Amino acid sequence: MSGMRSTLHRVRWDLRFRAAEHRWYLPVARRRYGEAVVGDSTELVIDGFTRTAVTFSVIAFQVAQRRPVRLAHTIHSAAHVTEAVRRGVPCLVAIREPDDTVLSIAIREPDVSLSTALGAYARFCDLVAGEPDRIVVADFTEITTDFGPVIDRLNAKFSTSFDRFEHDPEHVDTVFEIIEDRSRRPAWSEALGDFEDGRIGLDEYRHEKARCLAAGLEPALEVPEHRVQRPSESRTIRKEAMRSELHASRLRARREHAHAAYRRLMTS
């Protein structure tokens, strides 16, 4: 039974990412994610392939804003990016070099093969690279170490006036605190979703969190280390142990395709 569950999970994961390449997926996604999918009120889209610091981008962006900004985000869909372009909505695409991306996926989703993850990654980059003049692309390292210039590029490209993220310990700690909250399905999840979507600001989010904690409503989950969305020494060790498998000859063609697609996206 465990083998069957593993196979079904791998197939579902692959089908979900294939579906997310098509525009018809967006109304389906809207039923689950609501206003996190681009719509008439969206001021900015932030999205990217999974495990590329999309969540950090979303939280850091909203932490920086003096007023809530209506944001569509984090459905990990190439169609989401192309729909933003079609609508003329500013769009930030997060990306990460392919080896670390697929190794991170393999740790978080152990039923998903490296081959499947490489294929999905390459298709995402190939589709998004077709929109170079109407998106801003930011690499994982830049996002997680110096996010302010990314917002500067958004403002320069789209003539917007979004507030700059100050990448200092205080603000980074705030981002990771909220990411940790997000992973634990807390009693204030609705407020957290409203904050991410730009319906409330940081102060309102903190007020609702404090109210829930004062009422004794602790988060429902302790998140396993392999799934939490922050830096982890144990995950880094596991990734390095898997790297030789990624470099196996049977994966050479897919890995080369993924790296070529990444380069096209980064230089487009």
Protein backbone atom coordinates (compact mmCIF):
# COMPACT_ATOMS: atom_id res chain seq x y z
CA MET A 1 0.00 0.00 0.00
CA SER A 2 2.81 2.44 0.80
CA GLY A 3 4.28 1.89 -2.66
CA MET A 4 0.93 2.62 -4.28
CA ARG A 5 0.51 5.79 -2.21
CA SER A 6 3.99 6.90 -3.23
CA THR A 7 3.21 6.34 -6.91
CA LEU A 8 -0.11 8.17 -6.67
CA HIS A 9 1.52 11.14 -4.95
CA ARG A 10 4.22 11.33 -7.62
CA VAL A 11 1.62 11.20 -10.40
CA ARG A 12 -0.56 13.84 -8.72
CA TRP A 13 2.43 16.14 -8.27
CA ASP A 14 3.41 15.82 -11.93
CA LEU A 15 -0.14 16.28 -13.20
CA ARG A 16 -0.63 19.36 -11.02
CA PHE A 17 2.46 21.07 -12.43
CA ARG A 18 1.53 20.10 -15.99
CA ALA A 19 -1.97 21.51 -15.50
CA ALA A 20 -0.51 24.75 -14.07
CA GLU A 21 1.13 25.42 -17.43
CA HIS A 22 -2.28 26.10 -19.04
CA ARG A 23 -4.60 29.07 -18.74
CA TRP A 24 -7.61 26.84 -17.99
CA TYR A 25 -5.92 25.93 -14.71
CA LEU A 26 -6.41 29.42 -13.26
CA PRO A 27 -10.19 29.23 -12.66
CA VAL A 28 -9.58 25.86 -11.00
CA ALA A 29 -6.87 27.37 -8.82
CA ARG A 30 -9.13 30.30 -7.92
CA ARG A 31 -11.61 27.90 -6.32
CA ARG A 32 -8.84 26.79 -3.94
CA TYR A 33 -6.66 29.88 -3.56
CA GLY A 34 -9.20 32.68 -4.00
CA GLU A 35 -7.70 36.10 -4.55
CA ALA A 36 -4.17 34.69 -4.54
CA VAL A 37 -4.91 34.12 -8.25
CA VAL A 38 -4.55 37.17 -10.49
CA GLY A 39 -7.76 39.13 -11.02
CA ASP A 40 -9.16 42.58 -11.67
CA SER A 41 -7.98 44.00 -8.33
CA THR A 42 -4.43 42.61 -8.51
CA GLU A 43 -1.64 45.20 -8.31
CA LEU A 44 1.28 42.76 -8.51
CA VAL A 45 1.89 39.07 -9.16
CA ILE A 46 4.72 37.25 -7.37
CA ASP A 47 5.16 33.65 -8.42
CA GLY A 48 7.73 31.11 -9.53
CA PHE A 49 8.54 27.43 -9.56
CA THR A 50 8.28 25.68 -6.20
CA ARG A 51 11.26 25.91 -3.78
CA THR A 52 12.58 29.14 -5.33
CA ALA A 53 11.89 31.62 -2.47
CA VAL A 54 8.46 32.68 -3.70
CA THR A 55 7.12 32.62 -0.14
CA PHE A 56 10.02 34.72 1.14
CA SER A 57 9.39 37.21 -1.69
CA VAL A 58 5.69 37.53 -0.86
CA ILE A 59 6.16 37.99 2.89
CA ALA A 60 9.16 40.31 2.54
CA PHE A 61 7.31 42.42 -0.01
CA GLN A 62 4.24 42.85 2.22
CA VAL A 63 6.37 43.46 5.34
CA ALA A 64 7.98 46.38 3.50
CA GLN A 65 4.76 48.09 2.39
CA ARG A 66 3.32 51.05 4.24
CA ARG A 67 -0.07 50.21 2.78
CA PRO A 68 -1.37 46.73 1.88
CA VAL A 69 -0.81 45.90 -1.81
CA ARG A 70 -3.23 43.53 -3.53
CA LEU A 71 -1.03 40.61 -4.45
CA ALA A 72 -1.58 37.43 -6.47
CA HIS A 73 1.00 34.84 -5.53
CA THR A 74 2.41 31.41 -4.78
CA ILE A 75 0.43 29.06 -6.99
CA HIS A 76 3.64 27.97 -8.77
CA SER A 77 2.12 28.26 -12.20
CA ALA A 78 3.64 29.35 -15.50
CA ALA A 79 0.12 30.19 -16.66
CA HIS A 80 -0.18 32.59 -13.74
CA VAL A 81 2.81 34.52 -15.07
CA THR A 82 1.56 34.60 -18.65
CA GLU A 83 -1.90 35.70 -17.47
CA ALA A 84 -0.34 38.58 -15.52
CA VAL A 85 1.46 39.61 -18.71
CA ARG A 86 -1.76 39.34 -20.73
CA ARG A 87 -3.54 41.61 -18.22
CA GLY A 88 -0.66 44.09 -18.03
CA VAL A 89 -0.14 43.44 -14.30
CA PRO A 90 3.43 43.87 -12.96
CA CYS A 91 4.96 40.47 -12.30
CA LEU A 92 7.95 39.23 -10.31
CA VAL A 93 9.18 35.71 -11.09
CA ALA A 94 11.39 33.93 -8.55
CA ILE A 95 13.82 31.33 -9.85
CA ARG A 96 16.68 29.26 -8.47
CA GLU A 97 19.39 27.29 -10.20
CA PRO A 98 18.01 23.83 -11.07
CA ASP A 99 20.22 21.51 -9.02
CA ASP A 100 19.38 23.08 -5.66
CA THR A 101 15.73 23.45 -6.68
CA VAL A 102 15.13 19.81 -7.52
CA LEU A 103 17.16 18.57 -4.54
CA SER A 104 15.02 20.75 -2.29
CA ILE A 105 11.90 19.28 -3.90
CA ALA A 106 13.20 15.74 -3.40
CA ILE A 107 13.69 16.40 0.33
CA ARG A 108 10.30 18.05 0.79
CA GLU A 109 8.45 15.61 -1.50
CA PRO A 110 10.37 12.31 -1.29
CA ASP A 111 7.89 10.54 -3.58
CA VAL A 112 8.75 12.92 -6.46
CA SER A 113 11.68 11.67 -8.53
CA LEU A 114 14.56 13.90 -9.56
CA SER A 115 13.68 13.19 -13.20
CA THR A 116 10.08 14.35 -12.73
CA ALA A 117 11.19 17.49 -10.87
CA LEU A 118 13.78 18.36 -13.54
CA GLY A 119 11.19 18.02 -16.29
CA ALA A 120 8.65 20.24 -14.53
CA TYR A 121 11.33 22.83 -13.75
CA ALA A 122 12.54 23.01 -17.36
CA ARG A 123 9.00 23.39 -18.73
CA PHE A 124 8.28 26.22 -16.29
CA CYS A 125 11.41 28.13 -17.32
CA ASP A 126 10.81 27.53 -21.03
CA LEU A 127 7.28 28.94 -20.80
CA VAL A 128 8.14 31.95 -18.65
CA ALA A 129 11.25 32.86 -20.67
CA GLY A 130 8.91 33.81 -23.51
CA GLU A 131 7.88 36.97 -21.61
CA PRO A 132 11.24 38.72 -20.98
CA ASP A 133 10.13 42.30 -21.56
CA ARG A 134 7.10 42.16 -19.30
CA ILE A 135 8.36 40.49 -16.11
CA VAL A 136 11.13 40.96 -13.57
CA VAL A 137 13.13 37.83 -12.80
CA ALA A 138 14.95 37.46 -9.47
CA ASP A 139 17.24 34.63 -8.42
CA PHE A 140 16.88 32.82 -5.10
CA THR A 141 20.20 34.13 -3.77
CA GLU A 142 19.33 37.75 -4.50
CA ILE A 143 15.86 37.36 -2.99
CA THR A 144 17.15 35.83 0.23
CA THR A 145 20.18 38.09 0.72
CA ASP A 146 19.30 41.49 -0.79
CA PHE A 147 15.63 41.79 -1.74
CA GLY A 148 15.55 45.59 -1.81
CA PRO A 149 17.05 45.96 -5.31
CA VAL A 150 14.48 43.49 -6.65
CA ILE A 151 11.70 45.90 -5.63
CA ASP A 152 13.74 48.73 -7.13
CA ARG A 153 13.74 46.87 -10.47
CA LEU A 154 9.99 46.36 -10.28
CA ASN A 155 9.46 50.07 -9.74
CA ALA A 156 11.83 51.01 -12.57
CA LYS A 157 10.29 48.57 -15.06
CA PHE A 158 6.61 49.18 -14.28
CA SER A 159 6.67 52.80 -13.02
CA THR A 160 5.30 51.64 -9.66
CA SER A 161 6.12 53.02 -6.22
CA PHE A 162 6.27 49.94 -4.01
CA ASP A 163 8.21 50.39 -0.77
CA ARG A 164 11.71 48.94 -0.60
CA PHE A 165 12.49 46.00 1.68
CA GLU A 166 15.36 46.76 4.05
CA HIS A 167 17.32 43.52 4.19
CA ASP A 168 18.52 43.79 7.78
CA PRO A 169 18.30 41.27 10.65
CA GLU A 170 15.16 42.82 12.14
CA HIS A 171 13.14 42.63 8.92
CA VAL A 172 14.50 39.22 7.91
CA ASP A 173 13.56 37.84 11.34
CA THR A 174 10.05 39.19 10.86
CA VAL A 175 9.79 37.45 7.49
CA PHE A 176 10.92 34.09 8.86
CA GLU A 177 8.63 34.41 11.88
CA ILE A 178 5.65 34.80 9.54
CA ILE A 179 6.87 31.98 7.29
CA GLU A 180 7.08 29.75 10.37
CA ASP A 181 3.53 30.78 11.34
CA ARG A 182 2.38 29.96 7.81
CA SER A 183 3.77 26.43 8.04
CA ARG A 184 1.98 25.62 11.30
CA ARG A 185 -1.66 26.31 10.33
CA PRO A 186 -2.29 28.67 13.25
CA ALA A 187 -5.64 29.89 14.52
CA TRP A 188 -4.89 33.22 12.81
CA SER A 189 -4.47 31.60 9.35
CA GLU A 190 -7.25 33.73 7.89
CA ALA A 191 -5.47 36.91 8.94
CA LEU A 192 -2.21 35.55 7.57
CA GLY A 193 -3.87 34.89 4.20
CA ASP A 194 -5.35 38.39 4.24
CA PHE A 195 -1.89 39.80 4.93
CA GLU A 196 -0.30 37.89 2.06
CA ASP A 197 -3.10 38.88 -0.32
CA GLY A 198 -2.86 42.54 0.73
CA ARG A 199 -6.24 42.94 2.42
CA ILE A 200 -4.63 43.88 5.75
CA GLY A 201 -1.24 45.24 6.75
CA LEU A 202 1.46 43.97 9.09
CA ASP A 203 0.11 45.76 12.17
CA GLU A 204 -3.34 44.23 11.72
CA TYR A 205 -1.81 40.80 11.22
CA ARG A 206 0.24 41.12 14.40
CA HIS A 207 -2.82 42.31 16.33
CA GLU A 208 -4.84 39.25 15.27
CA LYS A 209 -1.96 36.90 16.10
CA ALA A 210 -1.59 38.48 19.55
CA ARG A 211 -5.35 38.18 20.14
CA CYS A 212 -5.30 34.47 19.29
CA LEU A 213 -2.26 33.77 21.45
CA ALA A 214 -3.80 35.68 24.37
CA ALA A 215 -6.86 33.45 24.03
CA GLY A 216 -4.65 30.36 24.26
CA LEU A 217 -5.02 29.45 20.58
CA GLU A 218 -1.62 27.98 19.79
CA PRO A 219 -0.66 26.77 16.28
CA ALA A 220 -2.04 23.36 15.37
CA LEU A 221 1.13 21.81 13.99
CA GLU A 222 4.78 21.34 14.70
CA VAL A 223 6.30 21.36 11.22
CA PRO A 224 8.70 18.54 10.28
CA GLU A 225 12.17 19.86 9.55
CA HIS A 226 12.08 18.63 5.95
CA ARG A 227 9.01 20.77 5.18
CA VAL A 228 9.60 24.08 6.98
CA GLN A 229 10.36 26.98 4.64
CA ARG A 230 13.54 28.43 6.11
CA PRO A 231 17.24 27.60 5.99
CA SER A 232 18.08 24.27 7.63
CA GLU A 233 21.47 22.66 8.26
CA SER A 234 19.99 19.17 8.25
CA ARG A 235 18.37 19.71 4.85
CA THR A 236 21.65 21.05 3.47
CA ILE A 237 23.43 17.87 4.59
CA ARG A 238 20.74 15.69 3.00
CA LYS A 239 20.93 17.65 -0.26
CA GLU A 240 24.66 17.16 -0.51
CA ALA A 241 24.21 13.42 0.04
CA MET A 242 21.75 13.28 -2.90
CA ARG A 243 23.82 15.39 -5.29
CA SER A 244 25.70 12.43 -6.78
CA GLU A 245 22.38 10.84 -7.76
CA LEU A 246 21.40 14.05 -9.54
CA HIS A 247 24.63 13.91 -11.55
CA ALA A 248 24.03 10.32 -12.69
CA SER A 249 24.29 9.72 -16.45
CA ARG A 250 20.63 8.69 -16.71
CA LEU A 251 19.61 12.24 -15.75
CA ARG A 252 22.15 14.05 -17.94
CA ALA A 253 19.77 15.06 -20.72
CA ARG A 254 17.08 16.33 -18.37
CA ARG A 255 19.59 18.15 -16.20
CA GLU A 256 21.19 19.83 -19.23
CA HIS A 257 17.74 20.91 -20.46
CA ALA A 258 16.93 22.37 -17.03
CA HIS A 259 20.20 24.30 -16.88
CA ALA A 260 19.75 25.64 -20.41
CA ALA A 261 16.20 26.76 -19.57
CA TYR A 262 17.44 28.47 -16.40
CA ARG A 263 20.12 30.36 -18.35
CA ARG A 264 17.58 31.48 -20.97
CA LEU A 265 15.28 32.81 -18.26
CA MET A 266 18.06 34.59 -16.36
CA THR A 267 19.50 36.25 -19.49
CA SER A 268 16.23 37.02 -21.30
